Amino acid sequence: MQKIKNLACLLVFSLLLFSCGEYQKVLNKGSIEDQYKMAVKMYESKNYSKALRLFEKVTPAYRGKPQMERVQFMVAQSNFNEKNYSIAGYYFDRFTKNYSKSSKKEDAAFLSAYSYKLASPVFSKDPTDTNKALEAFQIFINTYPNSSKIDEANKHYKEIRYKLQQKYFEIAKTYYITSGYDMRNYKAAIQAFDNLLSDYLGSEFKEEALYYRLKAAHDFVLKSTDRRKTNRIKDAIEAYEKLERNYPESKFMEECNEMLATLNKEQKRVDSIIAKVEKSAKAKEQEEKNTKEK
């Protein structure tokens, strides 16, 4: 029994050795046709990294030929299976554009979007692939509303959309948190929260975004000079009213009411100062007028 096992192992090893030798021979010295056949063989045996090396060699020769449709799909699928997701997304997308009548177009469109989703990093990183995935899934949903994959596509779309919202919410929040070190960050935080709320209507972060938007505007007022406060108080009060209108029972309402009270108090103080300044200016103007008349 042991001898049989040893012979079997030796046979498998010999086959692998022969296969590797055959692959290297075709890779380095084989004809284009032989390399194509070996690439397909490697692809079908799920040896995708070796298949990709061969496809890279034969692609220039097959451009514009019927085989190229199959080559391009296998290249995309090989990259996907090798977890080169960003590259796979690119090649699947190219396939849908180059072969608009292909029976594999729908699969390629879905896999392009899904590849970009798998390539997309955590929400705190560069969102390039995440944005590509969101756009690709939106196109797929619009193009193939009756697809068997439509439910899965909608699920992925919602997950990606949430990830992007989370990213932009955290960016805006970071601007607010660091505002104490740089006054310009108050403006940046307010603008970032406004962008989030306008770009993602019905956002899962809407209530919290409105709350932090108010906090940023409120704190910006308190850190501003008196001559700049009037418009900033108005903006902060409008932020309060928007939060109250959308979430009258918000868990943040108690704190927001305190901020509103502070803003109203500050508005009265600033109005009083403005009134005194205007009164003084008018008195001075009248005095100068009386002096001239004499």
Protein backbone atom coordinates (compact mmCIF):
# COMPACT_ATOMS: atom_id res chain seq x y z
CA MET A 1 0.00 0.00 0.00
CA GLN A 2 2.82 2.40 0.89
CA LYS A 3 4.54 1.62 -2.41
CA ILE A 4 1.37 2.46 -4.30
CA LYS A 5 1.09 5.79 -2.44
CA ASN A 6 4.72 6.58 -3.20
CA LEU A 7 4.22 5.76 -6.88
CA ALA A 8 1.10 7.95 -6.99
CA CYS A 9 2.98 10.86 -5.40
CA LEU A 10 5.84 10.38 -7.83
CA LEU A 11 3.42 10.34 -10.76
CA VAL A 12 1.72 13.57 -9.61
CA PHE A 13 5.08 15.22 -9.05
CA SER A 14 6.25 14.14 -12.52
CA LEU A 15 3.07 15.50 -14.10
CA LEU A 16 3.48 18.81 -12.29
CA LEU A 17 7.12 19.01 -13.32
CA PHE A 18 6.20 18.25 -16.93
CA SER A 19 3.39 20.75 -16.82
CA CYS A 20 5.64 23.48 -15.43
CA GLY A 21 8.27 22.69 -18.05
CA GLU A 22 5.70 22.76 -20.82
CA TYR A 23 4.30 26.06 -19.54
CA GLN A 24 7.74 27.73 -19.42
CA LYS A 25 8.57 26.44 -22.90
CA VAL A 26 5.35 27.84 -24.38
CA LEU A 27 5.67 31.08 -22.42
CA ASN A 28 9.20 31.76 -23.63
CA LYS A 29 9.37 30.20 -27.09
CA GLY A 30 5.85 29.13 -28.08
CA SER A 31 3.92 30.54 -31.02
CA ILE A 32 1.09 33.00 -30.42
CA GLU A 33 -1.42 30.23 -31.06
CA ASP A 34 0.32 27.89 -28.60
CA GLN A 35 0.47 30.65 -25.99
CA TYR A 36 -3.24 31.33 -26.45
CA LYS A 37 -4.12 27.66 -26.02
CA MET A 38 -1.90 27.40 -22.94
CA ALA A 39 -3.45 30.58 -21.49
CA VAL A 40 -6.93 29.09 -21.87
CA LYS A 41 -5.70 25.82 -20.36
CA MET A 42 -4.22 27.66 -17.36
CA TYR A 43 -7.43 29.69 -16.99
CA GLU A 44 -9.65 26.62 -17.08
CA SER A 45 -7.42 24.84 -14.55
CA LYS A 46 -7.77 27.94 -12.31
CA ASN A 47 -4.08 28.85 -12.52
CA TYR A 48 -4.95 32.48 -13.09
CA SER A 49 -1.56 34.08 -12.44
CA LYS A 50 0.05 31.95 -15.17
CA ALA A 51 -2.89 32.59 -17.47
CA LEU A 52 -2.44 36.34 -17.07
CA ARG A 53 1.25 36.17 -18.04
CA LEU A 54 0.31 34.42 -21.26
CA PHE A 55 -2.69 36.66 -22.00
CA GLU A 56 -0.38 39.66 -21.68
CA LYS A 57 1.80 38.17 -24.43
CA VAL A 58 -0.99 37.25 -26.86
CA THR A 59 -3.27 40.29 -26.45
CA PRO A 60 -1.51 42.52 -29.05
CA ALA A 61 -1.81 39.77 -31.67
CA TYR A 62 -5.53 39.20 -31.09
CA ARG A 63 -6.72 42.79 -31.03
CA GLY A 64 -9.59 43.19 -33.49
CA LYS A 65 -10.00 39.44 -33.87
CA PRO A 66 -12.99 37.35 -32.70
CA GLN A 67 -10.91 35.67 -29.96
CA MET A 68 -10.31 39.03 -28.30
CA GLU A 69 -13.79 39.10 -26.75
CA ARG A 70 -13.03 35.87 -24.89
CA VAL A 71 -9.49 36.98 -24.02
CA GLN A 72 -10.64 40.26 -22.50
CA PHE A 73 -13.28 38.58 -20.36
CA MET A 74 -10.80 35.94 -19.14
CA VAL A 75 -8.25 38.64 -18.32
CA ALA A 76 -10.85 40.49 -16.24
CA GLN A 77 -12.02 37.29 -14.54
CA SER A 78 -8.44 36.17 -13.86
CA ASN A 79 -7.63 39.47 -12.17
CA PHE A 80 -10.83 39.16 -10.14
CA ASN A 81 -9.92 35.65 -9.00
CA GLU A 82 -6.40 36.81 -8.16
CA LYS A 83 -7.99 39.57 -6.03
CA ASN A 84 -6.63 42.35 -8.25
CA TYR A 85 -10.00 43.99 -7.82
CA SER A 86 -9.29 47.49 -9.06
CA ILE A 87 -7.70 46.11 -12.25
CA ALA A 88 -10.57 43.64 -12.67
CA GLY A 89 -13.10 46.46 -12.35
CA TYR A 90 -11.30 48.37 -15.09
CA TYR A 91 -11.16 45.38 -17.47
CA PHE A 92 -14.79 44.35 -16.89
CA ASP A 93 -15.83 47.94 -17.60
CA ARG A 94 -13.78 47.97 -20.80
CA PHE A 95 -15.42 44.71 -21.83
CA THR A 96 -18.92 46.23 -21.53
CA LYS A 97 -17.84 49.15 -23.70
CA ASN A 98 -15.93 47.11 -26.30
CA TYR A 99 -18.51 44.32 -26.62
CA SER A 100 -21.90 45.94 -26.20
CA LYS A 101 -23.69 43.02 -27.89
CA SER A 102 -21.95 40.27 -25.94
CA SER A 103 -24.04 37.77 -23.99
CA LYS A 104 -21.61 38.37 -21.11
CA LYS A 105 -22.14 42.14 -21.00
CA GLU A 106 -24.57 42.06 -18.06
CA ASP A 107 -22.27 39.81 -16.02
CA ALA A 108 -19.31 42.04 -16.84
CA ALA A 109 -21.23 45.18 -15.79
CA PHE A 110 -22.12 43.63 -12.45
CA LEU A 111 -18.62 42.27 -11.87
CA SER A 112 -17.07 45.64 -12.71
CA ALA A 113 -19.13 47.33 -10.00
CA TYR A 114 -18.56 44.50 -7.55
CA SER A 115 -14.80 44.51 -8.23
CA TYR A 116 -14.59 48.22 -7.44
CA LYS A 117 -16.56 47.61 -4.26
CA LEU A 118 -14.12 44.91 -3.16
CA ALA A 119 -11.23 47.22 -4.05
CA SER A 120 -12.65 50.11 -2.05
CA PRO A 121 -10.84 50.62 1.24
CA VAL A 122 -12.20 51.46 4.66
CA PHE A 123 -14.20 54.69 4.70
CA SER A 124 -11.29 56.76 6.01
CA LYS A 125 -9.08 56.09 2.95
CA ASP A 126 -9.05 57.41 -0.62
CA PRO A 127 -12.61 56.94 -1.96
CA THR A 128 -11.70 56.66 -5.67
CA ASP A 129 -12.68 53.00 -6.06
CA THR A 130 -15.66 53.51 -3.76
CA ASN A 131 -16.98 56.28 -6.01
CA LYS A 132 -16.38 54.10 -9.09
CA ALA A 133 -18.31 51.26 -7.45
CA LEU A 134 -21.24 53.53 -6.57
CA GLU A 135 -21.41 54.89 -10.11
CA ALA A 136 -21.05 51.42 -11.67
CA PHE A 137 -23.82 49.93 -9.53
CA GLN A 138 -26.09 52.90 -10.31
CA ILE A 139 -25.52 52.32 -14.04
CA PHE A 140 -26.16 48.59 -13.63
CA ILE A 141 -29.41 49.20 -11.71
CA ASN A 142 -30.62 51.66 -14.35
CA THR A 143 -29.57 49.47 -17.28
CA TYR A 144 -30.72 46.08 -15.97
CA PRO A 145 -33.78 46.69 -13.76
CA ASN A 146 -35.04 43.14 -14.38
CA SER A 147 -31.72 41.42 -13.79
CA SER A 148 -31.57 38.40 -11.50
CA LYS A 149 -28.81 40.31 -9.71
CA ILE A 150 -30.84 43.49 -9.13
CA ASP A 151 -31.51 42.81 -5.43
CA GLU A 152 -27.84 42.14 -4.82
CA ALA A 153 -26.87 45.25 -6.78
CA ASN A 154 -29.25 47.41 -4.71
CA LYS A 155 -27.80 45.94 -1.51
CA HIS A 156 -24.23 46.74 -2.59
CA TYR A 157 -25.28 50.23 -3.72
CA LYS A 158 -26.76 51.02 -0.29
CA GLU A 159 -23.68 49.73 1.51
CA ILE A 160 -21.35 51.82 -0.64
CA ARG A 161 -23.52 54.91 -0.29
CA TYR A 162 -23.44 54.48 3.50
CA LYS A 163 -19.64 54.16 3.43
CA LEU A 164 -19.26 57.42 1.49
CA GLN A 165 -21.67 59.24 3.79
CA GLN A 166 -19.70 57.99 6.78
CA LYS A 167 -16.46 59.24 5.22
CA TYR A 168 -17.79 62.73 4.49
CA PHE A 169 -19.49 62.93 7.89
CA GLU A 170 -16.22 62.07 9.66
CA ILE A 171 -14.31 64.62 7.56
CA ALA A 172 -16.81 67.35 8.50
CA LYS A 173 -16.70 66.29 12.14
CA THR A 174 -12.89 66.41 12.12
CA TYR A 175 -13.01 69.97 10.80
CA TYR A 176 -15.28 70.88 13.70
CA ILE A 177 -13.16 69.13 16.34
CA THR A 178 -9.99 70.91 15.13
CA SER A 179 -11.67 74.31 14.87
CA GLY A 180 -10.22 75.33 18.22
CA TYR A 181 -6.79 75.32 16.58
CA ASP A 182 -7.79 77.11 13.39
CA MET A 183 -10.79 79.41 13.03
CA ARG A 184 -10.98 78.63 9.31
CA ASN A 185 -12.04 75.09 10.21
CA TYR A 186 -15.39 76.36 11.49
CA LYS A 187 -16.21 77.54 7.98
CA ALA A 188 -14.85 74.29 6.54
CA ALA A 189 -16.97 72.21 8.94
CA ILE A 190 -20.15 74.17 8.17
CA GLN A 191 -19.56 73.82 4.41
CA ALA A 192 -18.74 70.10 4.73
CA PHE A 193 -21.93 69.38 6.69
CA ASP A 194 -23.95 71.40 4.17
CA ASN A 195 -22.41 69.39 1.31
CA LEU A 196 -23.21 66.10 3.02
CA LEU A 197 -26.82 67.10 3.65
CA SER A 198 -27.36 68.31 0.07
CA ASP A 199 -25.52 65.45 -1.65
CA TYR A 200 -27.16 62.69 0.40
CA LEU A 201 -30.81 63.53 0.93
CA GLY A 202 -32.29 61.27 3.55
CA SER A 203 -28.83 60.41 4.87
CA GLU A 204 -28.55 58.05 7.82
CA PHE A 205 -26.28 60.72 9.33
CA LYS A 206 -28.74 63.58 8.80
CA GLU A 207 -29.79 64.15 12.41
CA GLU A 208 -26.25 64.07 13.74
CA ALA A 209 -24.97 66.16 10.83
CA LEU A 210 -27.60 68.85 11.55
CA TYR A 211 -26.61 68.80 15.21
CA TYR A 212 -22.89 69.24 14.52
CA ARG A 213 -23.65 71.80 11.85
CA LEU A 214 -25.46 73.85 14.52
CA LYS A 215 -22.64 73.34 17.03
CA ALA A 216 -20.08 74.54 14.51
CA ALA A 217 -22.16 77.62 13.66
CA HIS A 218 -22.84 78.31 17.37
CA ASP A 219 -19.19 78.04 18.38
CA PHE A 220 -18.14 80.10 15.37
CA VAL A 221 -20.37 82.92 16.63
CA LEU A 222 -18.82 82.85 20.09
CA LYS A 223 -15.28 82.96 18.68
CA SER A 224 -16.07 85.79 16.24
CA THR A 225 -15.54 89.51 16.73
CA ASP A 226 -18.70 91.53 17.40
CA ARG A 227 -18.72 93.20 13.99
CA ARG A 228 -18.89 89.77 12.29
CA LYS A 229 -21.49 88.20 14.55
CA THR A 230 -24.80 89.43 13.11
CA ASN A 231 -24.81 87.27 9.96
CA ARG A 232 -23.23 84.34 11.76
CA ILE A 233 -25.89 84.41 14.47
CA LYS A 234 -28.57 84.43 11.78
CA ASP A 235 -26.95 81.40 10.12
CA ALA A 236 -26.71 79.52 13.43
CA ILE A 237 -30.36 80.20 14.29
CA GLU A 238 -31.38 78.93 10.84
CA ALA A 239 -29.36 75.77 11.55
CA TYR A 240 -31.29 75.33 14.81
CA GLU A 241 -34.62 75.79 13.04
CA LYS A 242 -33.70 73.20 10.41
CA LEU A 243 -32.83 70.63 13.08
CA GLU A 244 -36.00 71.37 15.04
CA ARG A 245 -38.14 71.16 11.89
CA ASN A 246 -36.72 67.78 10.86
CA TYR A 247 -36.26 66.22 14.31
CA PRO A 248 -38.51 67.92 16.89
CA GLU A 249 -37.96 64.97 19.24
CA SER A 250 -34.22 64.77 18.64
CA LYS A 251 -32.03 63.44 21.44
CA PHE A 252 -29.91 66.57 20.90
CA MET A 253 -32.80 69.01 21.40
CA GLU A 254 -32.05 69.91 25.03
CA GLU A 255 -28.50 70.97 24.21
CA CYS A 256 -29.69 72.70 21.06
CA ASN A 257 -32.20 74.75 23.05
CA GLU A 258 -29.36 75.88 25.30
CA MET A 259 -27.36 76.92 22.22
CA LEU A 260 -30.38 78.83 20.90
CA ALA A 261 -30.71 80.67 24.21
CA THR A 262 -27.03 81.64 24.02
CA LEU A 263 -27.44 82.83 20.44
CA ASN A 264 -30.50 84.96 21.31
CA LYS A 265 -28.66 86.46 24.26
CA GLU A 266 -25.67 87.21 22.06
CA GLN A 267 -27.94 88.73 19.43
CA LYS A 268 -29.44 91.14 21.98
CA ARG A 269 -25.98 92.12 23.21
CA VAL A 270 -24.71 92.75 19.68
CA ASP A 271 -27.89 94.65 18.74
CA SER A 272 -27.40 96.83 21.81
CA ILE A 273 -23.82 97.59 20.83
CA ILE A 274 -24.85 98.40 17.27
CA ALA A 275 -27.63 100.68 18.53
CA LYS A 276 -25.19 102.55 20.77
CA VAL A 277 -22.66 102.90 17.94
CA GLU A 278 -25.34 104.18 15.57
CA LYS A 279 -26.65 106.60 18.18
CA SER A 280 -23.16 107.90 18.84
CA ALA A 281 -22.52 108.26 15.10
CA LYS A 282 -25.74 110.21 14.61
CA ALA A 283 -24.93 112.49 17.57
CA LYS A 284 -21.47 113.15 16.15
CA GLU A 285 -22.94 113.85 12.72
CA GLN A 286 -25.45 116.27 14.22
CA GLU A 287 -22.71 117.98 16.18
CA GLU A 288 -20.59 118.46 13.06
CA LYS A 289 -23.61 119.80 11.22
CA ASN A 290 -24.35 122.31 13.97
CA THR A 291 -20.72 123.44 13.99
CA LYS A 292 -20.80 124.10 10.24
CA GLU A 293 -24.03 126.12 10.52
CA LYS A 294 -22.40 128.43 13.06
